[in-house]
C-alpha atoms as a PDB file:
ATOM      1  CA  LYS A   1     255.896 264.728 149.023  1.00  0.00           C
ATOM      2  CA  ARG A   2     255.828 263.186 145.526  1.00  0.00           C
ATOM      3  CA  ALA A   3     253.265 260.630 146.593  1.00  0.00           C
ATOM      4  CA  LEU A   4     251.069 263.414 147.959  1.00  0.00           C
ATOM      5  CA  GLU A   5     251.433 265.356 144.706  1.00  0.00           C
ATOM      6  CA  LYS A   6     250.593 262.227 142.646  1.00  0.00           C
ATOM      7  CA  LYS A   7     247.554 261.615 144.814  1.00  0.00           C
ATOM      8  CA  ARG A   8     246.372 265.231 144.314  1.00  0.00           C
ATOM      9  CA  ARG A   9     246.841 264.933 140.547  1.00  0.00           C
ATOM     10  CA  ALA A  10     244.989 261.621 140.496  1.00  0.00           C
ATOM     11  CA  ASP A  11     242.159 263.139 142.565  1.00  0.00           C
ATOM     12  CA  ALA A  12     242.021 266.192 140.280  1.00  0.00           C
ATOM     13  CA  GLU A  13     241.973 263.984 137.177  1.00  0.00           C
ATOM     14  CA  LYS A  14     239.275 261.814 138.729  1.00  0.00           C
ATOM     15  CA  LYS A  15     237.150 264.889 139.548  1.00  0.00           C
ATOM     16  CA  ALA A  16     237.706 266.272 136.042  1.00  0.00           C
ATOM     17  CA  ALA A  17     236.664 262.929 134.518  1.00  0.00           C
ATOM     18  CA  GLU A  18     233.554 262.782 136.726  1.00  0.00           C
ATOM     19  CA  LEU A  19     232.683 266.372 135.819  1.00  0.00           C
ATOM     20  CA  GLU A  20     233.155 265.613 132.118  1.00  0.00           C
ATOM     21  CA  ALA A  21     231.005 262.474 132.442  1.00  0.00           C
ATOM     22  CA  ARG A  22     228.241 264.511 134.137  1.00  0.00           C
ATOM     23  CA  LYS A  23     228.435 267.154 131.403  1.00  0.00           C
ATOM     24  CA  GLN A  24     228.193 264.463 128.711  1.00  0.00           C
ATOM     25  CA  ALA A  25     225.234 262.853 130.485  1.00  0.00           C
ATOM     26  CA  GLU A  26     223.472 266.227 130.718  1.00  0.00           C
ATOM     27  CA  LEU A  27     224.173 266.938 127.053  1.00  0.00           C
ATOM     28  CA  GLU A  28     222.774 263.537 126.051  1.00  0.00           C
ATOM     29  CA  LYS A  29     219.729 264.123 128.226  1.00  0.00           C
ATOM     30  CA  LYS A  30     219.164 267.571 126.679  1.00  0.00           C
ATOM     31  CA  ARG A  31     219.639 266.190 123.162  1.00  0.00           C
ATOM     32  CA  ALA A  32     217.161 263.369 123.809  1.00  0.00           C
ATOM     33  CA  LEU A  33     214.668 265.824 125.288  1.00  0.00           C
ATOM     34  CA  GLU A  34     215.056 268.153 122.292  1.00  0.00           C
ATOM     35  CA  GLU A  35     214.544 265.276 119.856  1.00  0.00           C
ATOM     36  CA  LYS A  36     211.435 264.211 121.754  1.00  0.00           C
ATOM     37  CA  ARG A  37     210.088 267.774 121.621  1.00  0.00           C
ATOM     38  CA  LYS A  38     210.818 267.930 117.903  1.00  0.00           C
ATOM     39  CA  ALA A  39     209.104 264.589 117.272  1.00  0.00           C
ATOM     40  CA  ASP A  40     206.099 265.679 119.335  1.00  0.00           C
ATOM     41  CA  ALA A  41     205.899 268.969 117.425  1.00  0.00           C
ATOM     42  CA  GLU A  42     206.049 267.130 114.084  1.00  0.00           C
ATOM     43  CA  LYS A  43     203.402 264.670 115.233  1.00  0.00           C
ATOM     44  CA  LYS A  44     201.165 267.523 116.352  1.00  0.00           C
ATOM     45  CA  ALA A  45     201.703 269.330 113.038  1.00  0.00           C
ATOM     46  CA  GLN A  46     200.782 266.162 111.116  1.00  0.00           C
ATOM     47  CA  GLN A  47     197.620 265.753 113.200  1.00  0.00           C
ATOM     48  CA  GLN A  48     196.681 269.381 112.561  1.00  0.00           C
ATOM     49  CA  LYS A  49     197.322 268.905 108.857  1.00  0.00           C
ATOM     50  CA  LYS A  50     195.147 265.817 108.820  1.00  0.00           C
ATOM     51  CA  GLN A  51     192.347 267.595 110.700  1.00  0.00           C
ATOM     52  CA  GLN A  52     192.596 270.550 108.308  1.00  0.00           C
ATOM     53  CA  ALA A  53     192.376 268.196 105.323  1.00  0.00           C
ATOM     54  CA  VAL A  54     189.313 266.444 106.724  1.00  0.00           C
ATOM     55  CA  LYS A  55     187.705 269.797 107.542  1.00  0.00           C
ATOM     56  CA  THR A  56     188.419 271.170 104.074  1.00  0.00           C
ATOM     57  CA  VAL A  57     187.151 268.093 102.256  1.00  0.00           C
ATOM     58  CA  SER A  58     184.000 267.881 104.360  1.00  0.00           C
ATOM     59  CA  SER A  59     183.206 271.595 103.997  1.00  0.00           C
ATOM     60  CA  ALA A  60     183.904 271.819 100.247  1.00  0.00           C
ATOM     61  CA  PRO A  61     180.827 272.668  98.223  1.00  0.00           C
ATOM     62  CA  ARG A  62     179.545 270.166  95.679  1.00  0.00           C
ATOM     63  CA  ARG A  63     180.887 270.474  92.161  1.00  0.00           C
ATOM     64  CA  SER A  64     184.217 271.817  93.275  1.00  0.00           C
ATOM     65  CA  THR A  65     187.774 270.697  92.824  1.00  0.00           C
ATOM     66  CA  ILE A  66     190.050 270.470  95.836  1.00  0.00           C
ATOM     67  CA  SER A  67     193.776 270.751  95.276  1.00  0.00           C
ATOM     68  CA  LEU A  68     195.634 268.186  97.359  1.00  0.00           C
ATOM     69  CA  PHE A  69     199.023 269.827  96.818  1.00  0.00           C
ATOM     70  CA  GLY A  70     200.414 270.740 100.207  1.00  0.00           C
ATOM     71  CA  PHE A  71     198.718 267.858 102.019  1.00  0.00           C
ATOM     72  CA  GLY A  72     200.863 265.080 103.361  1.00  0.00           C
ATOM     73  CA  GLY A  73     204.475 266.047 103.457  1.00  0.00           C
ATOM     74  CA  GLY A  74     207.075 267.840 101.498  1.00  0.00           C
ATOM     75  CA  GLU A  75     210.236 269.495 102.742  1.00  0.00           C
ATOM     76  CA  LYS A  76     208.593 272.227 104.829  1.00  0.00           C
ATOM     77  CA  ASP A  77     209.423 272.427 108.489  1.00  0.00           C
ATOM     78  CA  ALA A  78     206.694 271.945 111.063  1.00  0.00           C
ATOM     79  CA  ALA A  79     206.485 275.659 111.888  1.00  0.00           C
ATOM     80  CA  SER A  80     205.736 276.751 108.334  1.00  0.00           C
ATOM     81  CA  ALA A  81     203.672 273.728 107.295  1.00  0.00           C
ATOM     82  CA  SER A  82     200.200 274.858 106.412  1.00  0.00           C
ATOM     83  CA  PRO A  83     198.268 272.952 103.797  1.00  0.00           C
ATOM     84  CA  THR A  84     197.236 274.927 100.752  1.00  0.00           C
ATOM     85  CA  VAL A  85     193.771 274.097  99.573  1.00  0.00           C
ATOM     86  CA  SER A  86     192.190 275.765  96.612  1.00  0.00           C
ATOM     87  CA  ILE A  87     188.627 275.276  95.560  1.00  0.00           C
ATOM     88  CA  GLN A  88     188.069 275.945  91.886  1.00  0.00           C
ATOM     89  CA  SER A  89     184.997 275.928  89.697  1.00  0.00           C
ATOM     90  CA  THR A  90     185.184 273.833  86.571  1.00  0.00           C
ATOM     91  CA  SER A  91     184.958 275.814  83.337  1.00  0.00           C
ATOM     92  CA  THR A  92     181.726 275.019  81.504  1.00  0.00           C
ATOM     93  CA  GLN A  93     180.041 275.959  78.215  1.00  0.00           C
ATOM     94  CA  ALA A  94     176.425 276.887  77.550  1.00  0.00           C
ATOM     95  CA  SER A  95     176.040 274.781  74.389  1.00  0.00           C
ATOM     96  CA  ALA A  96     177.795 272.057  72.443  1.00  0.00           C
ATOM     97  CA  PRO A  97     180.453 272.949  69.864  1.00  0.00           C
ATOM     98  CA  ARG A  98     179.469 272.418  66.238  1.00  0.00           C
ATOM     99  CA  GLY A  99     179.428 268.746  65.242  1.00  0.00           C
ATOM    100  CA  VAL A 100     179.537 267.379  68.806  1.00  0.00           C
ATOM    101  CA  PRO A 101     176.416 265.436  69.925  1.00  0.00           C
ATOM    102  CA  THR A 102     174.739 266.489  73.171  1.00  0.00           C
ATOM    103  CA  ILE A 103     173.758 264.113  75.973  1.00  0.00           C
ATOM    104  CA  THR A 104     171.073 265.335  78.396  1.00  0.00           C
ATOM    105  CA  LYS A 105     169.635 263.719  81.527  1.00  0.00           C
ATOM    106  CA  TRP A 106     172.945 261.948  81.857  1.00  0.00           C
ATOM    107  CA  LYS A 107     174.396 259.845  84.612  1.00  0.00           C
ATOM    108  CA  GLN A 108     177.854 258.329  84.952  1.00  0.00           C
ATOM    109  CA  ALA A 109     178.096 254.616  85.736  1.00  0.00           C
ATOM    110  CA  ARG A 110     180.774 253.037  87.929  1.00  0.00           C
ATOM    111  CA  ASP A 111     182.739 251.895  84.889  1.00  0.00           C
ATOM    112  CA  GLY A 112     182.966 255.513  83.658  1.00  0.00           C
ATOM    113  CA  SER A 113     180.383 255.212  80.870  1.00  0.00           C
ATOM    114  CA  ILE A 114     177.674 257.858  80.442  1.00  0.00           C
ATOM    115  CA  THR A 115     173.990 256.999  80.025  1.00  0.00           C
ATOM    116  CA  GLY A 116     171.510 259.633  78.854  1.00  0.00           C
ATOM    117  CA  VAL A 117     169.429 261.025  76.015  1.00  0.00           C
ATOM    118  CA  ILE A 118     171.301 262.032  72.837  1.00  0.00           C
ATOM    119  CA  SER A 119     170.641 264.763  70.303  1.00  0.00           C
ATOM    120  CA  GLY A 120     172.604 266.153  67.342  1.00  0.00           C
ATOM    121  CA  SER A 121     174.148 262.806  66.401  1.00  0.00           C
ATOM    122  CA  ASN A 122     174.525 261.387  62.885  1.00  0.00           C
ATOM    123  CA  SER A 123     174.339 257.828  64.251  1.00  0.00           C
ATOM    124  CA  PHE A 124     171.275 258.167  66.533  1.00  0.00           C
ATOM    125  CA  ASP A 125     167.878 259.884  66.336  1.00  0.00           C
ATOM    126  CA  ASP A 126     167.284 262.833  68.643  1.00  0.00           C
ATOM    127  CA  GLY A 127     165.791 261.600  71.933  1.00  0.00           C
ATOM    128  CA  ASP A 128     167.286 258.102  71.721  1.00  0.00           C
ATOM    129  CA  PRO A 129     168.664 256.688  74.985  1.00  0.00           C
ATOM    130  CA  VAL A 130     172.404 255.904  74.723  1.00  0.00           C
ATOM    131  CA  THR A 131     175.223 254.529  76.817  1.00  0.00           C
ATOM    132  CA  THR A 132     178.748 255.543  75.858  1.00  0.00           C
ATOM    133  CA  SER A 133     181.930 253.619  76.350  1.00  0.00           C
ATOM    134  CA  PRO A 134     183.899 254.712  79.461  1.00  0.00           C
ATOM    135  CA  ILE A 135     185.103 258.309  79.265  1.00  0.00           C
ATOM    136  CA  VAL A 136     188.587 259.652  79.822  1.00  0.00           C
ATOM    137  CA  GLY A 137     188.685 262.041  82.810  1.00  0.00           C
ATOM    138  CA  LYS A 138     185.835 263.471  84.817  1.00  0.00           C
ATOM    139  CA  ALA A 139     182.186 263.838  83.767  1.00  0.00           C
ATOM    140  CA  VAL A 140     181.191 267.468  84.320  1.00  0.00           C
ATOM    141  CA  GLY A 141     178.082 269.133  82.925  1.00  0.00           C
ATOM    142  CA  GLY A 142     178.686 271.875  80.369  1.00  0.00           C
ATOM    143  CA  THR A 143     181.878 270.257  79.066  1.00  0.00           C
ATOM    144  CA  VAL A 144     182.899 268.070  76.150  1.00  0.00           C
ATOM    145  CA  VAL A 145     184.056 264.615  77.214  1.00  0.00           C
ATOM    146  CA  ARG A 146     186.005 262.046  75.188  1.00  0.00           C
ATOM    147  CA  THR A 147     185.432 258.323  75.461  1.00  0.00           C
ATOM    148  CA  LYS A 148     188.256 255.813  75.516  1.00  0.00           C
ATOM    149  CA  SER A 149     187.204 254.825  71.990  1.00  0.00           C
ATOM    150  CA  GLY A 150     187.666 258.449  70.825  1.00  0.00           C
ATOM    151  CA  SER A 151     184.058 259.685  70.510  1.00  0.00           C
ATOM    152  CA  ARG A 152     183.248 263.171  71.799  1.00  0.00           C
ATOM    153  CA  TYR A 153     180.035 264.235  73.548  1.00  0.00           C
ATOM    154  CA  PHE A 154     178.800 267.457  75.141  1.00  0.00           C
ATOM    155  CA  LEU A 155     177.254 266.834  78.569  1.00  0.00           C
ATOM    156  CA  ALA A 156     174.348 269.236  79.080  1.00  0.00           C
ATOM    157  CA  GLY A 157     173.287 270.225  82.577  1.00  0.00           C
ATOM    158  CA  GLY A 158     175.120 270.135  85.886  1.00  0.00           C
ATOM    159  CA  THR A 159     177.754 267.847  87.265  1.00  0.00           C
ATOM    160  CA  ALA A 160     176.772 264.287  87.940  1.00  0.00           C
ATOM    161  CA  PRO A 161     176.739 263.889  91.719  1.00  0.00           C
ATOM    162  CA  PRO A 162     179.750 261.943  92.939  1.00  0.00           C
ATOM    163  CA  SER A 163     178.995 258.489  94.217  1.00  0.00           C
ATOM    164  CA  ARG A 164     179.533 257.640  97.869  1.00  0.00           C
ATOM    165  CA  ALA A 165     182.062 255.043  96.797  1.00  0.00           C
ATOM    166  CA  SER A 166     184.157 257.607  94.903  1.00  0.00           C
ATOM    167  CA  LEU A 167     184.045 260.033  97.832  1.00  0.00           C
ATOM    168  CA  ALA A 168     185.057 257.273 100.255  1.00  0.00           C
ATOM    169  CA  GLN A 169     187.871 256.209  97.916  1.00  0.00           C
ATOM    170  CA  ALA A 170     189.128 259.803  97.623  1.00  0.00           C
ATOM    171  CA  ALA A 171     189.145 260.154 101.417  1.00  0.00           C
ATOM    172  CA  ALA A 172     190.950 256.822 101.827  1.00  0.00           C
ATOM    173  CA  ASP A 173     193.542 257.831  99.226  1.00  0.00           C
ATOM    174  CA  ALA A 174     194.137 261.156 101.003  1.00  0.00           C
ATOM    175  CA  ARG A 175     194.595 259.326 104.335  1.00  0.00           C
ATOM    176  CA  LYS A 176     197.047 256.849 102.798  1.00  0.00           C
ATOM    177  CA  GLN A 177     199.053 259.680 101.260  1.00  0.00           C
ATOM    178  CA  ALA A 178     199.199 261.577 104.564  1.00  0.00           C
ATOM    179  CA  GLN A 179     200.235 258.428 106.460  1.00  0.00           C
ATOM    180  CA  ALA A 180     202.955 257.610 103.928  1.00  0.00           C
ATOM    181  CA  ALA A 181     204.299 261.165 104.151  1.00  0.00           C
ATOM    182  CA  ALA A 182     204.288 260.990 107.960  1.00  0.00           C
ATOM    183  CA  ARG A 183     206.172 257.664 107.910  1.00  0.00           C
ATOM    184  CA  GLU A 184     208.712 259.076 105.471  1.00  0.00           C
ATOM    185  CA  LYS A 185     209.241 262.173 107.598  1.00  0.00           C
ATOM    186  CA  ALA A 186     209.646 260.086 110.764  1.00  0.00           C
ATOM    187  CA  ALA A 187     212.181 257.836 109.026  1.00  0.00           C
ATOM    188  CA  GLN A 188     214.129 260.897 107.871  1.00  0.00           C
ATOM    189  CA  ALA A 189     214.079 262.368 111.377  1.00  0.00           C
ATOM    190  CA  THR A 190     215.366 259.061 112.796  1.00  0.00           C
ATOM    191  CA  ALA A 191     218.118 258.919 110.172  1.00  0.00           C
ATOM    192  CA  ASP A 192     219.108 262.525 110.927  1.00  0.00           C
ATOM    193  CA  ALA A 193     219.190 261.786 114.662  1.00  0.00           C
ATOM    194  CA  ARG A 194     221.440 258.769 114.074  1.00  0.00           C
ATOM    195  CA  LYS A 195     223.812 260.855 111.954  1.00  0.00           C
ATOM    196  CA  GLN A 196     224.130 263.411 114.758  1.00  0.00           C
ATOM    197  CA  ALA A 197     224.723 260.786 117.433  1.00  0.00           C
END
């Protein structure tokens, strides 16, 4: 009778252990599936973000500024991640401030210097061609720019068209930033998954 009772207990314990093992296996399977879904959703969100960035940059009108804040990461979750892109006009003036020479028919060189025709300068005759030292910041028509040496000039006319090289560099920089953010997010997701395991 005792042997029979021991055998029943052993069988019951064995069944309970098997049931527990099955439950654990199912839980692990569900957890792995959920992590895969999450990773796929994040990957899809990153691809959508990238496509949105490319679409926004390619459809932006000339002479506009595109805010890159919101592209490439942050602490938002995939459901609420939508890149914010603002296109702003640059503030311009109609004429040069008093005492600031004007450069017309200007063009910006690769090194950042400006070449054009100067007027209103104490150092040059009106209509003389000049080339400045490289400027600090962006060359935009209707604004006063400052050279690295400290001189100030008013750039008459519209914005100098951006070079293909600068546009390609901006696109490459945006891609690198998005890729770095995606790698960082994937590493964080892996670390979080390891902590839970």
